[in-house]
PDB file of N, CA and C in Angstrom:
ATOM      1  N   MET A   1      86.066  93.684 117.039  1.00  0.00           N
ATOM      2  CA  MET A   1      86.664  92.966 118.489  1.00  0.00           C
ATOM      3  C   MET A   1      87.016  91.626 118.397  1.00  0.00           C
ATOM      4  N   LEU A   2      85.891  90.869 117.647  1.00  0.00           N
ATOM      5  CA  LEU A   2      86.347  89.471 116.885  1.00  0.00           C
ATOM      6  C   LEU A   2      87.763  88.974 116.414  1.00  0.00           C
ATOM      7  N   GLU A   3      87.748  90.158 115.584  1.00  0.00           N
ATOM      8  CA  GLU A   3      89.493  89.934 114.590  1.00  0.00           C
ATOM      9  C   GLU A   3      90.628  90.256 115.340  1.00  0.00           C
ATOM     10  N   LEU A   4      90.262  91.249 116.294  1.00  0.00           N
ATOM     11  CA  LEU A   4      91.348  91.610 117.235  1.00  0.00           C
ATOM     12  C   LEU A   4      91.792  90.467 118.252  1.00  0.00           C
ATOM     13  N   THR A   5      90.574  89.956 118.562  1.00  0.00           N
ATOM     14  CA  THR A   5      91.159  88.614 119.774  1.00  0.00           C
ATOM     15  C   THR A   5      91.317  87.704 118.903  1.00  0.00           C
ATOM     16  N   ALA A   6      90.816  87.334 117.653  1.00  0.00           N
ATOM     17  CA  ALA A   6      91.200  86.220 117.010  1.00  0.00           C
ATOM     18  C   ALA A   6      92.821  86.189 116.732  1.00  0.00           C
ATOM     19  N   ASN A   7      93.283  87.313 116.448  1.00  0.00           N
ATOM     20  CA  ASN A   7      94.444  87.887 116.063  1.00  0.00           C
ATOM     21  C   ASN A   7      95.561  87.849 117.372  1.00  0.00           C
ATOM     22  N   TYR A   8      94.901  87.574 118.366  1.00  0.00           N
ATOM     23  CA  TYR A   8      95.824  87.915 119.588  1.00  0.00           C
ATOM     24  C   TYR A   8      96.240  89.232 120.138  1.00  0.00           C
ATOM     25  N   HIS A   9      95.729  90.306 119.782  1.00  0.00           N
ATOM     26  CA  HIS A   9      95.906  91.554 119.584  1.00  0.00           C
ATOM     27  C   HIS A   9      95.515  92.280 121.420  1.00  0.00           C
ATOM     28  N   ILE A  10      94.365  91.617 121.436  1.00  0.00           N
ATOM     29  CA  ILE A  10      93.562  91.814 122.685  1.00  0.00           C
ATOM     30  C   ILE A  10      92.847  90.569 123.227  1.00  0.00           C
ATOM     31  N   ARG A  11      92.477  90.709 124.381  1.00  0.00           N
ATOM     32  CA  ARG A  11      91.854  89.502 125.165  1.00  0.00           C
ATOM     33  C   ARG A  11      90.783  90.111 126.215  1.00  0.00           C
ATOM     34  N   VAL A  12      89.901  89.370 126.758  1.00  0.00           N
ATOM     35  CA  VAL A  12      88.821  89.377 127.443  1.00  0.00           C
ATOM     36  C   VAL A  12      89.663  89.415 129.196  1.00  0.00           C
ATOM     37  N   ALA A  13      89.435  90.879 129.908  1.00  0.00           N
ATOM     38  CA  ALA A  13      89.953  90.834 130.773  1.00  0.00           C
ATOM     39  C   ALA A  13      89.260  90.827 132.151  1.00  0.00           C
ATOM     40  N   ASN A  14      87.463  91.033 131.513  1.00  0.00           N
ATOM     41  CA  ASN A  14      86.718  90.756 133.031  1.00  0.00           C
ATOM     42  C   ASN A  14      85.445  91.123 132.055  1.00  0.00           C
ATOM     43  N   GLY A  15      84.367  90.465 132.737  1.00  0.00           N
ATOM     44  CA  GLY A  15      82.769  91.029 131.992  1.00  0.00           C
ATOM     45  C   GLY A  15      82.461  89.564 132.023  1.00  0.00           C
ATOM     46  N   LYS A  16      80.677  89.409 131.833  1.00  0.00           N
ATOM     47  CA  LYS A  16      80.175  88.544 131.355  1.00  0.00           C
ATOM     48  C   LYS A  16      79.457  88.864 130.088  1.00  0.00           C
ATOM     49  N   ARG A  17      78.815  87.994 129.560  1.00  0.00           N
ATOM     50  CA  ARG A  17      77.985  87.983 128.561  1.00  0.00           C
ATOM     51  C   ARG A  17      76.931  89.185 128.630  1.00  0.00           C
ATOM     52  N   ALA A  18      76.056  89.033 129.436  1.00  0.00           N
ATOM     53  CA  ALA A  18      75.118  89.618 129.661  1.00  0.00           C
ATOM     54  C   ALA A  18      75.152  91.021 129.891  1.00  0.00           C
ATOM     55  N   ARG A  19      76.288  91.525 130.643  1.00  0.00           N
ATOM     56  CA  ARG A  19      76.678  92.836 130.981  1.00  0.00           C
ATOM     57  C   ARG A  19      77.864  93.417 129.907  1.00  0.00           C
ATOM     58  N   GLY A  20      78.252  92.968 129.565  1.00  0.00           N
ATOM     59  CA  GLY A  20      79.420  93.353 128.361  1.00  0.00           C
ATOM     60  C   GLY A  20      81.058  92.823 128.687  1.00  0.00           C
ATOM     61  N   TYR A  21      82.181  93.010 127.954  1.00  0.00           N
ATOM     62  CA  TYR A  21      83.249  92.485 128.759  1.00  0.00           C
ATOM     63  C   TYR A  21      84.005  93.827 128.655  1.00  0.00           C
ATOM     64  N   GLU A  22      85.221  93.589 129.287  1.00  0.00           N
ATOM     65  CA  GLU A  22      86.153  94.347 129.264  1.00  0.00           C
ATOM     66  C   GLU A  22      87.349  93.815 128.588  1.00  0.00           C
ATOM     67  N   TYR A  23      88.223  94.595 127.645  1.00  0.00           N
ATOM     68  CA  TYR A  23      89.226  94.111 127.076  1.00  0.00           C
ATOM     69  C   TYR A  23      90.631  94.493 127.786  1.00  0.00           C
ATOM     70  N   GLU A  24      91.731  93.972 127.026  1.00  0.00           N
ATOM     71  CA  GLU A  24      92.913  94.567 127.360  1.00  0.00           C
ATOM     72  C   GLU A  24      94.027  94.348 126.526  1.00  0.00           C
ATOM     73  N   ILE A  25      94.648  95.113 125.940  1.00  0.00           N
ATOM     74  CA  ILE A  25      95.650  95.081 124.896  1.00  0.00           C
ATOM     75  C   ILE A  25      96.763  93.950 125.358  1.00  0.00           C
ATOM     76  N   VAL A  26      96.968  93.121 124.436  1.00  0.00           N
ATOM     77  CA  VAL A  26      98.212  92.039 124.762  1.00  0.00           C
ATOM     78  C   VAL A  26      99.581  92.502 125.013  1.00  0.00           C
ATOM     79  N   SER A  27      99.971  93.562 124.034  1.00  0.00           N
ATOM     80  CA  SER A  27     101.148  93.955 123.925  1.00  0.00           C
ATOM     81  C   SER A  27     101.100  95.425 123.450  1.00  0.00           C
ATOM     82  N   TYR A  28     101.639  96.426 124.385  1.00  0.00           N
ATOM     83  CA  TYR A  28     101.764  97.474 123.831  1.00  0.00           C
ATOM     84  C   TYR A  28     102.518  97.917 122.544  1.00  0.00           C
ATOM     85  N   GLU A  29     103.763  97.412 122.267  1.00  0.00           N
ATOM     86  CA  GLU A  29     104.361  97.246 121.239  1.00  0.00           C
ATOM     87  C   GLU A  29     103.623  96.867 120.057  1.00  0.00           C
ATOM     88  N   GLU A  30     102.925  95.700 120.103  1.00  0.00           N
ATOM     89  CA  GLU A  30     102.148  95.199 119.216  1.00  0.00           C
ATOM     90  C   GLU A  30     100.835  96.472 118.829  1.00  0.00           C
ATOM     91  N   TYR A  31     100.363  96.772 119.886  1.00  0.00           N
ATOM     92  CA  TYR A  31      99.594  97.804 119.804  1.00  0.00           C
ATOM     93  C   TYR A  31      99.893  98.941 118.845  1.00  0.00           C
ATOM     94  N   GLU A  32     101.126  99.769 119.067  1.00  0.00           N
ATOM     95  CA  GLU A  32     101.920 100.795 118.653  1.00  0.00           C
ATOM     96  C   GLU A  32     102.057 100.581 116.985  1.00  0.00           C
ATOM     97  N   LYS A  33     102.032  99.106 116.937  1.00  0.00           N
ATOM     98  CA  LYS A  33     102.417  98.657 115.574  1.00  0.00           C
ATOM     99  C   LYS A  33     101.364  98.934 114.815  1.00  0.00           C
ATOM    100  N   LEU A  34     100.264  98.294 115.450  1.00  0.00           N
ATOM    101  CA  LEU A  34      98.982  98.139 114.662  1.00  0.00           C
ATOM    102  C   LEU A  34      98.197  99.682 114.612  1.00  0.00           C
ATOM    103  N   LYS A  35      98.634 100.306 115.526  1.00  0.00           N
ATOM    104  CA  LYS A  35      97.805 101.890 115.654  1.00  0.00           C
ATOM    105  C   LYS A  35      98.734 102.435 114.312  1.00  0.00           C
ATOM    106  N   GLN A  36      99.847 102.433 114.088  1.00  0.00           N
ATOM    107  CA  GLN A  36     100.644 103.071 112.975  1.00  0.00           C
ATOM    108  C   GLN A  36     100.055 102.316 111.594  1.00  0.00           C
ATOM    109  N   GLY A  37      99.905 101.230 111.643  1.00  0.00           N
ATOM    110  CA  GLY A  37      99.544 100.486 110.379  1.00  0.00           C
ATOM    111  C   GLY A  37      97.978 101.315 109.834  1.00  0.00           C
ATOM    112  N   ILE A  38      97.370 101.252 111.049  1.00  0.00           N
ATOM    113  CA  ILE A  38      95.778 101.458 110.778  1.00  0.00           C
ATOM    114  C   ILE A  38      95.724 103.490 110.216  1.00  0.00           C
ATOM    115  N   GLU A  39      96.750 103.760 110.945  1.00  0.00           N
ATOM    116  CA  GLU A  39      96.763 105.271 110.889  1.00  0.00           C
ATOM    117  C   GLU A  39      97.503 105.880 109.199  1.00  0.00           C
ATOM    118  N   THR A  40      98.522 104.658 108.716  1.00  0.00           N
ATOM    119  CA  THR A  40      98.967 104.707 107.515  1.00  0.00           C
ATOM    120  C   THR A  40      97.924 104.416 106.317  1.00  0.00           C
ATOM    121  N   VAL A  41      97.272 103.555 106.874  1.00  0.00           N
ATOM    122  CA  VAL A  41      95.871 103.062 105.499  1.00  0.00           C
ATOM    123  C   VAL A  41      94.837 104.174 105.740  1.00  0.00           C
ATOM    124  N   LEU A  42      94.629 105.027 106.856  1.00  0.00           N
ATOM    125  CA  LEU A  42      93.661 105.602 106.618  1.00  0.00           C
ATOM    126  C   LEU A  42      94.439 107.046 106.146  1.00  0.00           C
ATOM    127  N   ASP A  43      95.369 107.337 106.170  1.00  0.00           N
ATOM    128  CA  ASP A  43      96.013 108.463 105.501  1.00  0.00           C
ATOM    129  C   ASP A  43      96.087 108.230 104.095  1.00  0.00           C
ATOM    130  N   GLU A  44      96.338 106.974 103.761  1.00  0.00           N
ATOM    131  CA  GLU A  44      96.291 106.971 102.050  1.00  0.00           C
ATOM    132  C   GLU A  44      94.703 106.965 101.645  1.00  0.00           C
ATOM    133  N   ILE A  45      94.069 106.398 102.351  1.00  0.00           N
ATOM    134  CA  ILE A  45      92.462 106.631 102.072  1.00  0.00           C
ATOM    135  C   ILE A  45      92.084 107.911 102.037  1.00  0.00           C
ATOM    136  N   LEU A  46      92.376 108.746 102.871  1.00  0.00           N
ATOM    137  CA  LEU A  46      92.007 110.194 102.753  1.00  0.00           C
ATOM    138  C   LEU A  46      92.749 111.017 101.668  1.00  0.00           C
ATOM    139  N   ASP A  47      93.938 110.716 101.515  1.00  0.00           N
ATOM    140  CA  ASP A  47      94.548 111.110 100.023  1.00  0.00           C
ATOM    141  C   ASP A  47      94.030 110.822  98.926  1.00  0.00           C
ATOM    142  N   ASN A  48      93.418 109.598  98.755  1.00  0.00           N
ATOM    143  CA  ASN A  48      92.697 109.190  97.705  1.00  0.00           C
ATOM    144  C   ASN A  48      91.479 109.772  97.269  1.00  0.00           C
ATOM    145  N   LEU A  49      90.752 110.149  98.386  1.00  0.00           N
ATOM    146  CA  LEU A  49      89.222 110.762  98.649  1.00  0.00           C
ATOM    147  C   LEU A  49      89.808 112.080  98.066  1.00  0.00           C
ATOM    148  N   LYS A  50      90.611 112.915  98.686  1.00  0.00           N
ATOM    149  CA  LYS A  50      90.653 114.196  98.158  1.00  0.00           C
ATOM    150  C   LYS A  50      91.189 114.081  96.697  1.00  0.00           C
ATOM    151  N   GLN A  51      91.683 113.292  96.209  1.00  0.00           N
ATOM    152  CA  GLN A  51      92.089 113.191  94.381  1.00  0.00           C
ATOM    153  C   GLN A  51      90.807 113.053  93.839  1.00  0.00           C
ATOM    154  N   PHE A  52      90.022 112.366  94.639  1.00  0.00           N
ATOM    155  CA  PHE A  52      88.494 112.067  93.796  1.00  0.00           C
ATOM    156  C   PHE A  52      87.801 112.881  93.177  1.00  0.00           C
ATOM    157  N   ASN A  53      87.582 112.888  92.182  1.00  0.00           N
ATOM    158  CA  ASN A  53      86.608 114.108  91.770  1.00  0.00           C
ATOM    159  C   ASN A  53      85.228 113.569  91.653  1.00  0.00           C
ATOM    160  N   GLY A  54      84.355 112.641  91.946  1.00  0.00           N
ATOM    161  CA  GLY A  54      83.250 112.412  91.890  1.00  0.00           C
ATOM    162  C   GLY A  54      83.339 111.139  90.779  1.00  0.00           C
ATOM    163  N   SER A  55      82.276 110.592  90.638  1.00  0.00           N
ATOM    164  CA  SER A  55      81.804 109.308  89.650  1.00  0.00           C
ATOM    165  C   SER A  55      81.312 110.085  88.190  1.00  0.00           C
ATOM    166  N   PRO A  56      81.625 109.515  87.319  1.00  0.00           N
ATOM    167  CA  PRO A  56      81.201 110.082  85.926  1.00  0.00           C
ATOM    168  C   PRO A  56      79.871 110.075  85.692  1.00  0.00           C
ATOM    169  N   VAL A  57      79.277 110.983  85.303  1.00  0.00           N
ATOM    170  CA  VAL A  57      77.718 111.252  84.804  1.00  0.00           C
ATOM    171  C   VAL A  57      77.372 110.298  83.555  1.00  0.00           C
ATOM    172  N   VAL A  58      76.503 109.248  84.325  1.00  0.00           N
ATOM    173  CA  VAL A  58      76.029 108.455  83.369  1.00  0.00           C
ATOM    174  C   VAL A  58      74.577 108.942  82.465  1.00  0.00           C
ATOM    175  N   GLN A  59      74.670 109.219  81.398  1.00  0.00           N
ATOM    176  CA  GLN A  59      73.457 109.667  80.666  1.00  0.00           C
ATOM    177  C   GLN A  59      72.991 108.817  79.518  1.00  0.00           C
ATOM    178  N   LYS A  60      71.761 108.505  79.394  1.00  0.00           N
ATOM    179  CA  LYS A  60      71.328 107.913  78.290  1.00  0.00           C
ATOM    180  C   LYS A  60      71.079 108.809  76.854  1.00  0.00           C
ATOM    181  N   GLN A  61      71.251 107.972  75.803  1.00  0.00           N
ATOM    182  CA  GLN A  61      70.956 109.002  74.644  1.00  0.00           C
ATOM    183  C   GLN A  61      69.884 109.909  74.728  1.00  0.00           C
ATOM    184  N   ASN A  62      68.639 109.817  75.070  1.00  0.00           N
ATOM    185  CA  ASN A  62      67.492 110.535  74.763  1.00  0.00           C
ATOM    186  C   ASN A  62      67.282 111.474  75.884  1.00  0.00           C
ATOM    187  N   GLU A  63      67.849 111.208  76.959  1.00  0.00           N
ATOM    188  CA  GLU A  63      67.607 111.602  78.360  1.00  0.00           C
ATOM    189  C   GLU A  63      68.098 113.149  78.507  1.00  0.00           C
ATOM    190  N   PRO A  64      67.395 113.746  79.334  1.00  0.00           N
ATOM    191  CA  PRO A  64      67.851 115.362  79.231  1.00  0.00           C
ATOM    192  C   PRO A  64      69.157 115.410  80.081  1.00  0.00           C
ATOM    193  N   LEU A  65      69.732 116.516  79.674  1.00  0.00           N
ATOM    194  CA  LEU A  65      71.325 116.922  80.183  1.00  0.00           C
ATOM    195  C   LEU A  65      71.023 117.036  81.648  1.00  0.00           C
ATOM    196  N   LYS A  66      72.377 116.075  81.870  1.00  0.00           N
ATOM    197  CA  LYS A  66      72.284 115.884  83.854  1.00  0.00           C
ATOM    198  C   LYS A  66      73.128 117.045  84.298  1.00  0.00           C
ATOM    199  N   GLU A  67      73.253 117.607  85.179  1.00  0.00           N
ATOM    200  CA  GLU A  67      74.661 117.967  85.834  1.00  0.00           C
ATOM    201  C   GLU A  67      75.157 117.337  86.570  1.00  0.00           C
ATOM    202  N   LYS A  68      76.592 117.496  86.387  1.00  0.00           N
ATOM    203  CA  LYS A  68      77.671 116.750  87.634  1.00  0.00           C
ATOM    204  C   LYS A  68      77.808 117.333  88.819  1.00  0.00           C
ATOM    205  N   LYS A  69      77.410 116.667  89.864  1.00  0.00           N
ATOM    206  CA  LYS A  69      77.301 117.246  91.303  1.00  0.00           C
ATOM    207  C   LYS A  69      78.816 116.797  92.006  1.00  0.00           C
ATOM    208  N   VAL A  70      79.502 117.884  92.392  1.00  0.00           N
ATOM    209  CA  VAL A  70      80.626 117.571  92.907  1.00  0.00           C
ATOM    210  C   VAL A  70      80.611 118.266  94.644  1.00  0.00           C
ATOM    211  N   SER A  71      80.791 117.279  95.318  1.00  0.00           N
ATOM    212  CA  SER A  71      80.815 117.926  96.917  1.00  0.00           C
ATOM    213  C   SER A  71      82.437 118.198  97.246  1.00  0.00           C
ATOM    214  N   LYS A  72      82.374 119.179  98.125  1.00  0.00           N
ATOM    215  CA  LYS A  72      83.644 119.440  98.630  1.00  0.00           C
ATOM    216  C   LYS A  72      83.918 118.329 100.035  1.00  0.00           C
ATOM    217  N   LEU A  73      85.062 117.830 100.160  1.00  0.00           N
ATOM    218  CA  LEU A  73      85.431 117.310 101.549  1.00  0.00           C
ATOM    219  C   LEU A  73      85.894 118.322 102.498  1.00  0.00           C
ATOM    220  N   VAL A  74      85.372 118.118 103.726  1.00  0.00           N
ATOM    221  CA  VAL A  74      85.633 119.436 104.444  1.00  0.00           C
ATOM    222  C   VAL A  74      86.604 118.700 105.544  1.00  0.00           C
ATOM    223  N   GLU A  75      87.414 119.489 105.666  1.00  0.00           N
ATOM    224  CA  GLU A  75      88.994 118.814 106.722  1.00  0.00           C
ATOM    225  C   GLU A  75      88.751 119.130 107.746  1.00  0.00           C
TER     226      GLU A  75
END
């Protein structure tokens, strides 16, 4: 919220510190642009996670064999 307020995407419309604040979007067009940008970044992150096979197994020389655990992402 602080970052959105600092960058003038939202502003305090109402409220007090003790009870909380109500915010409003400064510009609907700016909101739509921001929303699309966030969706794009989240889609890219999701695609990267889907391609991720898990971290490599790190094993010391005299350690018993470790199995690599792979978890599936649920869509």
